[in-house]
């Protein structure tokens, strides 16, 4: 069941992904990355977004997470921010191997 809290958590997680994307891709390149890099980054953003959707949707079914209250929103932001970073390390490491 999706309610306003779930939507807020999803949006905060997507904000974390967007900030990490901006810090890792757009700002260092001072613009849009190349097509090959963009396809890799799109895969990473998609996987991170799926992870944020899953964690936001399942948070109501895990009772210890309900005790987190408002901190759960900050946790979802952190999940989005760090999942992009970790997945980019894994995907780029796999491309270099």
PDB file of N, CA and C in Angstrom:
ATOM      1  N   UNK A   1       0.845  -1.181   0.000  1.00  0.00           N
ATOM      2  CA  UNK A   1       0.000   0.000   0.000  1.00  0.00           C
ATOM      3  C   UNK A   1       0.889   1.242   0.000  1.00  0.00           C
ATOM      4  N   UNK A   2       0.651   2.102  -0.954  1.00  0.00           N
ATOM      5  CA  UNK A   2       1.449   3.323  -1.053  1.00  0.00           C
ATOM      6  C   UNK A   2       0.659   4.475  -0.428  1.00  0.00           C
ATOM      7  N   UNK A   3       1.263   5.106   0.567  1.00  0.00           N
ATOM      8  CA  UNK A   3       0.648   6.267   1.191  1.00  0.00           C
ATOM      9  C   UNK A   3       1.588   7.457   1.046  1.00  0.00           C
ATOM     10  N   UNK A   4       1.240   8.555   1.658  1.00  0.00           N
ATOM     11  CA  UNK A   4       2.040   9.774   1.528  1.00  0.00           C
ATOM     12  C   UNK A   4       3.452   9.601   2.084  1.00  0.00           C
ATOM     13  N   UNK A   5       3.595   8.828   3.156  1.00  0.00           N
ATOM     14  CA  UNK A   5       4.915   8.608   3.737  1.00  0.00           C
ATOM     15  C   UNK A   5       5.805   7.839   2.777  1.00  0.00           C
ATOM     16  N   UNK A   6       5.244   6.832   2.131  1.00  0.00           N
ATOM     17  CA  UNK A   6       6.016   6.043   1.168  1.00  0.00           C
ATOM     18  C   UNK A   6       6.445   6.904  -0.010  1.00  0.00           C
ATOM     19  N   UNK A   7       5.547   7.739  -0.496  1.00  0.00           N
ATOM     20  CA  UNK A   7       5.872   8.628  -1.618  1.00  0.00           C
ATOM     21  C   UNK A   7       6.981   9.597  -1.214  1.00  0.00           C
ATOM     22  N   UNK A   8       6.905  10.138  -0.007  1.00  0.00           N
ATOM     23  CA  UNK A   8       7.946  11.045   0.480  1.00  0.00           C
ATOM     24  C   UNK A   8       9.286  10.330   0.574  1.00  0.00           C
ATOM     25  N   UNK A   9       9.288   9.096   1.068  1.00  0.00           N
ATOM     26  CA  UNK A   9      10.536   8.356   1.179  1.00  0.00           C
ATOM     27  C   UNK A   9      11.120   8.045  -0.192  1.00  0.00           C
ATOM     28  N   UNK A  10      10.263   7.706  -1.154  1.00  0.00           N
ATOM     29  CA  UNK A  10      10.739   7.449  -2.515  1.00  0.00           C
ATOM     30  C   UNK A  10      11.349   8.709  -3.106  1.00  0.00           C
ATOM     31  N   UNK A  11      10.694   9.839  -2.924  1.00  0.00           N
ATOM     32  CA  UNK A  11      11.209  11.099  -3.457  1.00  0.00           C
ATOM     33  C   UNK A  11      12.541  11.476  -2.811  1.00  0.00           C
ATOM     34  N   UNK A  12      12.670  11.257  -1.518  1.00  0.00           N
ATOM     35  CA  UNK A  12      13.944  11.550  -0.847  1.00  0.00           C
ATOM     36  C   UNK A  12      15.048  10.613  -1.326  1.00  0.00           C
ATOM     37  N   UNK A  13      14.722   9.355  -1.555  1.00  0.00           N
ATOM     38  CA  UNK A  13      15.706   8.425  -2.092  1.00  0.00           C
ATOM     39  C   UNK A  13      16.141   8.815  -3.496  1.00  0.00           C
ATOM     40  N   UNK A  14      15.181   9.234  -4.325  1.00  0.00           N
ATOM     41  CA  UNK A  14      15.513   9.684  -5.678  1.00  0.00           C
ATOM     42  C   UNK A  14      16.325  10.978  -5.645  1.00  0.00           C
ATOM     43  N   UNK A  15      16.072  11.824  -4.660  1.00  0.00           N
ATOM     44  CA  UNK A  15      16.881  13.030  -4.490  1.00  0.00           C
ATOM     45  C   UNK A  15      18.325  12.668  -4.160  1.00  0.00           C
ATOM     46  N   UNK A  16      18.517  11.664  -3.313  1.00  0.00           N
ATOM     47  CA  UNK A  16      19.862  11.192  -3.003  1.00  0.00           C
ATOM     48  C   UNK A  16      20.573  10.672  -4.237  1.00  0.00           C
ATOM     49  N   UNK A  17      19.854   9.929  -5.077  1.00  0.00           N
ATOM     50  CA  UNK A  17      20.433   9.427  -6.324  1.00  0.00           C
ATOM     51  C   UNK A  17      20.804  10.586  -7.240  1.00  0.00           C
ATOM     52  N   UNK A  18      19.909  11.568  -7.359  1.00  0.00           N
ATOM     53  CA  UNK A  18      20.169  12.715  -8.232  1.00  0.00           C
ATOM     54  C   UNK A  18      21.376  13.523  -7.764  1.00  0.00           C
ATOM     55  N   UNK A  19      21.507  13.715  -6.459  1.00  0.00           N
ATOM     56  CA  UNK A  19      22.665  14.448  -5.944  1.00  0.00           C
ATOM     57  C   UNK A  19      23.966  13.702  -6.215  1.00  0.00           C
ATOM     58  N   UNK A  20      23.964  12.398  -5.991  1.00  0.00           N
ATOM     59  CA  UNK A  20      25.174  11.619  -6.241  1.00  0.00           C
ATOM     60  C   UNK A  20      25.502  11.612  -7.737  1.00  0.00           C
ATOM     61  N   UNK A  21      24.492  11.529  -8.599  1.00  0.00           N
ATOM     62  CA  UNK A  21      24.703  11.589 -10.041  1.00  0.00           C
ATOM     63  C   UNK A  21      25.318  12.926 -10.429  1.00  0.00           C
ATOM     64  N   UNK A  22      24.812  14.003  -9.842  1.00  0.00           N
ATOM     65  CA  UNK A  22      25.352  15.329 -10.151  1.00  0.00           C
ATOM     66  C   UNK A  22      26.798  15.464  -9.687  1.00  0.00           C
ATOM     67  N   UNK A  23      27.093  14.970  -8.494  1.00  0.00           N
ATOM     68  CA  UNK A  23      28.455  15.078  -7.964  1.00  0.00           C
ATOM     69  C   UNK A  23      29.446  14.198  -8.715  1.00  0.00           C
ATOM     70  N   UNK A  24      29.011  13.020  -9.163  1.00  0.00           N
ATOM     71  CA  UNK A  24      29.931  12.069  -9.802  1.00  0.00           C
ATOM     72  C   UNK A  24      30.049  12.255 -11.310  1.00  0.00           C
ATOM     73  N   UNK A  25      28.982  12.706 -11.976  1.00  0.00           N
ATOM     74  CA  UNK A  25      28.978  12.704 -13.441  1.00  0.00           C
ATOM     75  C   UNK A  25      28.923  14.108 -14.029  1.00  0.00           C
ATOM     76  N   UNK A  26      27.939  14.881 -13.636  1.00  0.00           N
ATOM     77  CA  UNK A  26      27.690  16.161 -14.302  1.00  0.00           C
ATOM     78  C   UNK A  26      28.710  17.221 -13.909  1.00  0.00           C
ATOM     79  N   UNK A  27      28.964  17.398 -12.619  1.00  0.00           N
ATOM     80  CA  UNK A  27      29.879  18.455 -12.185  1.00  0.00           C
ATOM     81  C   UNK A  27      31.328  18.242 -12.626  1.00  0.00           C
ATOM     82  N   UNK A  28      31.894  17.031 -12.506  1.00  0.00           N
ATOM     83  CA  UNK A  28      33.282  16.858 -12.971  1.00  0.00           C
ATOM     84  C   UNK A  28      33.435  17.027 -14.488  1.00  0.00           C
ATOM     85  N   UNK A  29      32.423  16.624 -15.256  1.00  0.00           N
ATOM     86  CA  UNK A  29      32.486  16.733 -16.715  1.00  0.00           C
ATOM     87  C   UNK A  29      32.037  18.096 -17.221  1.00  0.00           C
ATOM     88  N   UNK A  30      31.460  18.897 -16.340  1.00  0.00           N
ATOM     89  CA  UNK A  30      30.918  20.215 -16.680  1.00  0.00           C
ATOM     90  C   UNK A  30      29.920  20.121 -17.838  1.00  0.00           C
ATOM     91  N   UNK A  31      29.050  19.146 -17.745  1.00  0.00           N
ATOM     92  CA  UNK A  31      28.014  18.982 -18.758  1.00  0.00           C
ATOM     93  C   UNK A  31      27.584  17.544 -18.881  1.00  0.00           C
ATOM     94  N   UNK A  32      27.002  17.215 -20.020  1.00  0.00           N
ATOM     95  CA  UNK A  32      26.463  15.886 -20.262  1.00  0.00           C
ATOM     96  C   UNK A  32      27.603  14.920 -20.611  1.00  0.00           C
ATOM     97  N   UNK A  33      27.605  13.722 -20.023  1.00  0.00           N
ATOM     98  CA  UNK A  33      28.653  12.749 -20.332  1.00  0.00           C
ATOM     99  C   UNK A  33      28.479  12.141 -21.725  1.00  0.00           C
ATOM    100  N   UNK A  34      29.466  11.376 -22.179  1.00  0.00           N
ATOM    101  CA  UNK A  34      29.392  10.730 -23.490  1.00  0.00           C
ATOM    102  C   UNK A  34      28.294   9.670 -23.497  1.00  0.00           C
ATOM    103  N   UNK A  35      27.937   9.200 -24.695  1.00  0.00           N
ATOM    104  CA  UNK A  35      26.842   8.239 -24.803  1.00  0.00           C
ATOM    105  C   UNK A  35      27.151   6.918 -24.114  1.00  0.00           C
ATOM    106  N   UNK A  36      28.380   6.436 -24.227  1.00  0.00           N
ATOM    107  CA  UNK A  36      28.717   5.168 -23.578  1.00  0.00           C
ATOM    108  C   UNK A  36      28.688   5.305 -22.061  1.00  0.00           C
ATOM    109  N   UNK A  37      29.201   6.406 -21.564  1.00  0.00           N
ATOM    110  CA  UNK A  37      29.170   6.643 -20.121  1.00  0.00           C
ATOM    111  C   UNK A  37      27.743   6.877 -19.650  1.00  0.00           C
ATOM    112  N   UNK A  38      26.945   7.525 -20.468  1.00  0.00           N
ATOM    113  CA  UNK A  38      25.556   7.801 -20.102  1.00  0.00           C
ATOM    114  C   UNK A  38      24.746   6.515 -19.993  1.00  0.00           C
ATOM    115  N   UNK A  39      24.992   5.543 -20.870  1.00  0.00           N
ATOM    116  CA  UNK A  39      24.260   4.282 -20.788  1.00  0.00           C
ATOM    117  C   UNK A  39      24.638   3.517 -19.522  1.00  0.00           C
ATOM    118  N   UNK A  40      25.905   3.558 -19.154  1.00  0.00           N
ATOM    119  CA  UNK A  40      26.336   2.927 -17.908  1.00  0.00           C
ATOM    120  C   UNK A  40      25.708   3.624 -16.709  1.00  0.00           C
ATOM    121  N   UNK A  41      25.696   4.939 -16.730  1.00  0.00           N
ATOM    122  CA  UNK A  41      25.108   5.701 -15.622  1.00  0.00           C
ATOM    123  C   UNK A  41      23.597   5.480 -15.543  1.00  0.00           C
ATOM    124  N   UNK A  42      22.936   5.311 -16.681  1.00  0.00           N
ATOM    125  CA  UNK A  42      21.493   5.044 -16.688  1.00  0.00           C
ATOM    126  C   UNK A  42      21.198   3.699 -16.025  1.00  0.00           C
ATOM    127  N   UNK A  43      22.028   2.706 -16.277  1.00  0.00           N
ATOM    128  CA  UNK A  43      21.878   1.411 -15.628  1.00  0.00           C
ATOM    129  C   UNK A  43      22.034   1.546 -14.117  1.00  0.00           C
ATOM    130  N   UNK A  44      23.032   2.300 -13.687  1.00  0.00           N
ATOM    131  CA  UNK A  44      23.285   2.481 -12.256  1.00  0.00           C
ATOM    132  C   UNK A  44      22.129   3.232 -11.599  1.00  0.00           C
ATOM    133  N   UNK A  45      21.631   4.274 -12.254  1.00  0.00           N
ATOM    134  CA  UNK A  45      20.505   5.035 -11.709  1.00  0.00           C
ATOM    135  C   UNK A  45      19.260   4.153 -11.624  1.00  0.00           C
ATOM    136  N   UNK A  46      19.035   3.332 -12.632  1.00  0.00           N
ATOM    137  CA  UNK A  46      17.865   2.446 -12.632  1.00  0.00           C
ATOM    138  C   UNK A  46      17.933   1.439 -11.486  1.00  0.00           C
ATOM    139  N   UNK A  47      19.082   0.813 -11.306  1.00  0.00           N
ATOM    140  CA  UNK A  47      19.237  -0.149 -10.212  1.00  0.00           C
ATOM    141  C   UNK A  47      19.091   0.523  -8.850  1.00  0.00           C
ATOM    142  N   UNK A  48      19.625   1.713  -8.711  1.00  0.00           N
ATOM    143  CA  UNK A  48      19.504   2.453  -7.448  1.00  0.00           C
ATOM    144  C   UNK A  48      18.050   2.830  -7.182  1.00  0.00           C
ATOM    145  N   UNK A  49      17.335   3.252  -8.225  1.00  0.00           N
ATOM    146  CA  UNK A  49      15.925   3.623  -8.063  1.00  0.00           C
ATOM    147  C   UNK A  49      15.086   2.409  -7.673  1.00  0.00           C
ATOM    148  N   UNK A  50      15.374   1.263  -8.270  1.00  0.00           N
ATOM    149  CA  UNK A  50      14.654   0.038  -7.898  1.00  0.00           C
ATOM    150  C   UNK A  50      14.895  -0.295  -6.435  1.00  0.00           C
ATOM    151  N   UNK A  51      16.122  -0.156  -5.988  1.00  0.00           N
ATOM    152  CA  UNK A  51      16.444  -0.418  -4.584  1.00  0.00           C
ATOM    153  C   UNK A  51      15.696   0.543  -3.659  1.00  0.00           C
ATOM    154  N   UNK A  52      15.616   1.803  -4.034  1.00  0.00           N
ATOM    155  CA  UNK A  52      14.883   2.787  -3.221  1.00  0.00           C
ATOM    156  C   UNK A  52      13.395   2.453  -3.185  1.00  0.00           C
ATOM    157  N   UNK A  53      12.810   2.084  -4.328  1.00  0.00           N
ATOM    158  CA  UNK A  53      11.395   1.716  -4.364  1.00  0.00           C
ATOM    159  C   UNK A  53      11.118   0.516  -3.469  1.00  0.00           C
ATOM    160  N   UNK A  54      11.973  -0.483  -3.542  1.00  0.00           N
ATOM    161  CA  UNK A  54      11.766  -1.688  -2.742  1.00  0.00           C
ATOM    162  C   UNK A  54      11.876  -1.384  -1.249  1.00  0.00           C
ATOM    163  N   UNK A  55      12.918  -0.678  -0.861  1.00  0.00           N
ATOM    164  CA  UNK A  55      13.084  -0.385   0.564  1.00  0.00           C
ATOM    165  C   UNK A  55      11.972   0.523   1.090  1.00  0.00           C
ATOM    166  N   UNK A  56      11.498   1.443   0.262  1.00  0.00           N
ATOM    167  CA  UNK A  56      10.414   2.325   0.703  1.00  0.00           C
ATOM    168  C   UNK A  56       9.104   1.563   0.834  1.00  0.00           C
ATOM    169  N   UNK A  57       8.829   0.681  -0.105  1.00  0.00           N
ATOM    170  CA  UNK A  57       7.574  -0.069  -0.075  1.00  0.00           C
ATOM    171  C   UNK A  57       7.553  -1.102   1.040  1.00  0.00           C
ATOM    172  N   UNK A  58       8.683  -1.720   1.309  1.00  0.00           N
ATOM    173  CA  UNK A  58       8.726  -2.769   2.317  1.00  0.00           C
ATOM    174  C   UNK A  58       8.924  -2.254   3.738  1.00  0.00           C
ATOM    175  N   UNK A  59       9.170  -0.970   3.893  1.00  0.00           N
ATOM    176  CA  UNK A  59       9.436  -0.445   5.237  1.00  0.00           C
ATOM    177  C   UNK A  59       8.228  -0.584   6.162  1.00  0.00           C
ATOM    178  N   UNK A  60       7.027  -0.614   5.608  1.00  0.00           N
ATOM    179  CA  UNK A  60       5.831  -0.742   6.442  1.00  0.00           C
ATOM    180  C   UNK A  60       5.611  -2.180   6.905  1.00  0.00           C
ATOM    181  N   UNK A  61       6.231  -3.127   6.245  1.00  0.00           N
ATOM    182  CA  UNK A  61       6.059  -4.530   6.602  1.00  0.00           C
ATOM    183  C   UNK A  61       7.117  -5.028   7.566  1.00  0.00           C
ATOM    184  N   UNK A  62       8.131  -4.228   7.818  1.00  0.00           N
ATOM    185  CA  UNK A  62       9.192  -4.616   8.749  1.00  0.00           C
ATOM    186  C   UNK A  62       9.014  -3.771  10.001  1.00  0.00           C
ATOM    187  N   UNK A  63       8.581  -4.407  11.075  1.00  0.00           N
ATOM    188  CA  UNK A  63       8.206  -3.664  12.276  1.00  0.00           C
ATOM    189  C   UNK A  63       9.335  -2.844  12.899  1.00  0.00           C
ATOM    190  N   UNK A  64      10.599  -3.308  12.927  1.00  0.00           N
ATOM    191  CA  UNK A  64      11.640  -2.444  13.505  1.00  0.00           C
ATOM    192  C   UNK A  64      11.844  -1.147  12.721  1.00  0.00           C
ATOM    193  N   UNK A  65      11.576  -1.175  11.423  1.00  0.00           N
ATOM    194  CA  UNK A  65      11.731   0.047  10.638  1.00  0.00           C
ATOM    195  C   UNK A  65      10.639   1.071  10.950  1.00  0.00           C
ATOM    196  N   UNK A  66       9.472   0.595  11.352  1.00  0.00           N
ATOM    197  CA  UNK A  66       8.407   1.524  11.721  1.00  0.00           C
ATOM    198  C   UNK A  66       8.772   2.309  12.980  1.00  0.00           C
ATOM    199  N   UNK A  67       9.604   1.735  13.829  1.00  0.00           N
ATOM    200  CA  UNK A  67      10.029   2.423  15.049  1.00  0.00           C
ATOM    201  C   UNK A  67      10.986   3.576  14.749  1.00  0.00           C
ATOM    202  N   UNK A  68      11.564   3.575  13.555  1.00  0.00           N
ATOM    203  CA  UNK A  68      12.520   4.626  13.198  1.00  0.00           C
ATOM    204  C   UNK A  68      11.833   5.969  13.025  1.00  0.00           C
ATOM    205  N   UNK A  69      10.567   5.967  12.661  1.00  0.00           N
ATOM    206  CA  UNK A  69       9.811   7.205  12.523  1.00  0.00           C
ATOM    207  C   UNK A  69      10.369   8.122  11.449  1.00  0.00           C
ATOM    208  N   UNK A  70      10.650   9.353  11.831  1.00  0.00           N
ATOM    209  CA  UNK A  70      11.148  10.347  10.868  1.00  0.00           C
ATOM    210  C   UNK A  70      12.541  10.014  10.350  1.00  0.00           C
ATOM    211  N   UNK A  71      13.304   9.283  11.126  1.00  0.00           N
ATOM    212  CA  UNK A  71      14.656   8.937  10.704  1.00  0.00           C
ATOM    213  C   UNK A  71      14.648   8.012   9.497  1.00  0.00           C
ATOM    214  N   UNK A  72      13.546   7.366   9.266  1.00  0.00           N
ATOM    215  CA  UNK A  72      13.441   6.475   8.119  1.00  0.00           C
ATOM    216  C   UNK A  72      13.555   7.251   6.811  1.00  0.00           C
ATOM    217  N   UNK A  73      13.049   8.465   6.777  1.00  0.00           N
ATOM    218  CA  UNK A  73      13.167   9.303   5.580  1.00  0.00           C
ATOM    219  C   UNK A  73      14.626   9.654   5.311  1.00  0.00           C
ATOM    220  N   UNK A  74      15.365   9.965   6.345  1.00  0.00           N
ATOM    221  CA  UNK A  74      16.795  10.249   6.178  1.00  0.00           C
ATOM    222  C   UNK A  74      17.531   8.980   5.754  1.00  0.00           C
ATOM    223  N   UNK A  75      17.113   7.855   6.299  1.00  0.00           N
ATOM    224  CA  UNK A  75      17.702   6.586   5.899  1.00  0.00           C
ATOM    225  C   UNK A  75      17.454   6.269   4.434  1.00  0.00           C
ATOM    226  N   UNK A  76      16.274   6.586   3.934  1.00  0.00           N
ATOM    227  CA  UNK A  76      15.964   6.350   2.526  1.00  0.00           C
ATOM    228  C   UNK A  76      16.804   7.252   1.632  1.00  0.00           C
ATOM    229  N   UNK A  77      16.993   8.497   2.038  1.00  0.00           N
ATOM    230  CA  UNK A  77      17.886   9.399   1.298  1.00  0.00           C
ATOM    231  C   UNK A  77      19.291   8.809   1.250  1.00  0.00           C
ATOM    232  N   UNK A  78      19.745   8.316   2.389  1.00  0.00           N
ATOM    233  CA  UNK A  78      21.084   7.729   2.472  1.00  0.00           C
ATOM    234  C   UNK A  78      21.186   6.469   1.616  1.00  0.00           C
ATOM    235  N   UNK A  79      20.144   5.667   1.586  1.00  0.00           N
ATOM    236  CA  UNK A  79      20.144   4.467   0.747  1.00  0.00           C
ATOM    237  C   UNK A  79      20.285   4.856  -0.720  1.00  0.00           C
ATOM    238  N   UNK A  80      19.547   5.865  -1.157  1.00  0.00           N
ATOM    239  CA  UNK A  80      19.660   6.314  -2.545  1.00  0.00           C
ATOM    240  C   UNK A  80      21.034   6.863  -2.862  1.00  0.00           C
ATOM    241  N   UNK A  81      21.567   7.665  -1.958  1.00  0.00           N
ATOM    242  CA  UNK A  81      22.872   8.294  -2.171  1.00  0.00           C
ATOM    243  C   UNK A  81      23.993   7.258  -2.208  1.00  0.00           C
ATOM    244  N   UNK A  82      23.998   6.347  -1.242  1.00  0.00           N
ATOM    245  CA  UNK A  82      25.085   5.376  -1.170  1.00  0.00           C
ATOM    246  C   UNK A  82      24.920   4.238  -2.170  1.00  0.00           C
ATOM    247  N   UNK A  83      23.680   3.872  -2.500  1.00  0.00           N
ATOM    248  CA  UNK A  83      23.508   2.785  -3.468  1.00  0.00           C
ATOM    249  C   UNK A  83      24.046   3.187  -4.833  1.00  0.00           C
ATOM    250  N   UNK A  84      23.865   4.445  -5.214  1.00  0.00           N
ATOM    251  CA  UNK A  84      24.424   4.905  -6.485  1.00  0.00           C
ATOM    252  C   UNK A  84      25.944   4.829  -6.442  1.00  0.00           C
ATOM    253  N   UNK A  85      26.517   5.244  -5.341  1.00  0.00           N
ATOM    254  CA  UNK A  85      27.974   5.233  -5.212  1.00  0.00           C
ATOM    255  C   UNK A  85      28.521   3.815  -5.261  1.00  0.00           C
ATOM    256  N   UNK A  86      27.909   2.907  -4.503  1.00  0.00           N
ATOM    257  CA  UNK A  86      28.388   1.531  -4.476  1.00  0.00           C
ATOM    258  C   UNK A  86      28.194   0.829  -5.813  1.00  0.00           C
ATOM    259  N   UNK A  87      27.041   1.013  -6.429  1.00  0.00           N
ATOM    260  CA  UNK A  87      26.793   0.382  -7.722  1.00  0.00           C
ATOM    261  C   UNK A  87      27.711   0.935  -8.807  1.00  0.00           C
ATOM    262  N   UNK A  88      28.019   2.218  -8.747  1.00  0.00           N
ATOM    263  CA  UNK A  88      28.923   2.773  -9.752  1.00  0.00           C
ATOM    264  C   UNK A  88      30.317   2.188  -9.597  1.00  0.00           C
ATOM    265  N   UNK A  89      30.753   1.950  -8.366  1.00  0.00           N
ATOM    266  CA  UNK A  89      32.052   1.307  -8.143  1.00  0.00           C
ATOM    267  C   UNK A  89      32.049  -0.117  -8.696  1.00  0.00           C
ATOM    268  N   UNK A  90      30.968  -0.857  -8.460  1.00  0.00           N
ATOM    269  CA  UNK A  90      30.890  -2.231  -8.944  1.00  0.00           C
ATOM    270  C   UNK A  90      30.804  -2.322 -10.464  1.00  0.00           C
ATOM    271  N   UNK A  91      29.993  -1.484 -11.069  1.00  0.00           N
ATOM    272  CA  UNK A  91      29.813  -1.538 -12.522  1.00  0.00           C
ATOM    273  C   UNK A  91      31.064  -1.064 -13.234  1.00  0.00           C
ATOM    274  N   UNK A  92      31.691  -0.006 -12.763  1.00  0.00           N
ATOM    275  CA  UNK A  92      32.904   0.503 -13.395  1.00  0.00           C
ATOM    276  C   UNK A  92      34.052  -0.483 -13.196  1.00  0.00           C
ATOM    277  N   UNK A  93      34.134  -1.118 -12.031  1.00  0.00           N
ATOM    278  CA  UNK A  93      35.165  -2.125 -11.792  1.00  0.00           C
ATOM    279  C   UNK A  93      34.972  -3.314 -12.718  1.00  0.00           C
ATOM    280  N   UNK A  94      33.708  -3.679 -12.977  1.00  0.00           N
ATOM    281  CA  UNK A  94      33.428  -4.778 -13.881  1.00  0.00           C
ATOM    282  C   UNK A  94      33.765  -4.419 -15.325  1.00  0.00           C
ATOM    283  N   UNK A  95      33.562  -3.181 -15.719  1.00  0.00           N
ATOM    284  CA  UNK A  95      33.913  -2.737 -17.069  1.00  0.00           C
ATOM    285  C   UNK A  95      35.417  -2.734 -17.291  1.00  0.00           C
ATOM    286  N   UNK A  96      36.181  -2.440 -16.237  1.00  0.00           N
ATOM    287  CA  UNK A  96      37.641  -2.378 -16.364  1.00  0.00           C
ATOM    288  C   UNK A  96      38.286  -3.752 -16.338  1.00  0.00           C
ATOM    289  N   UNK A  97      37.561  -4.771 -15.850  1.00  0.00           N
ATOM    290  CA  UNK A  97      38.141  -6.122 -15.748  1.00  0.00           C
ATOM    291  C   UNK A  97      38.200  -6.825 -17.076  1.00  0.00           C
TER     292      UNK A  97
END
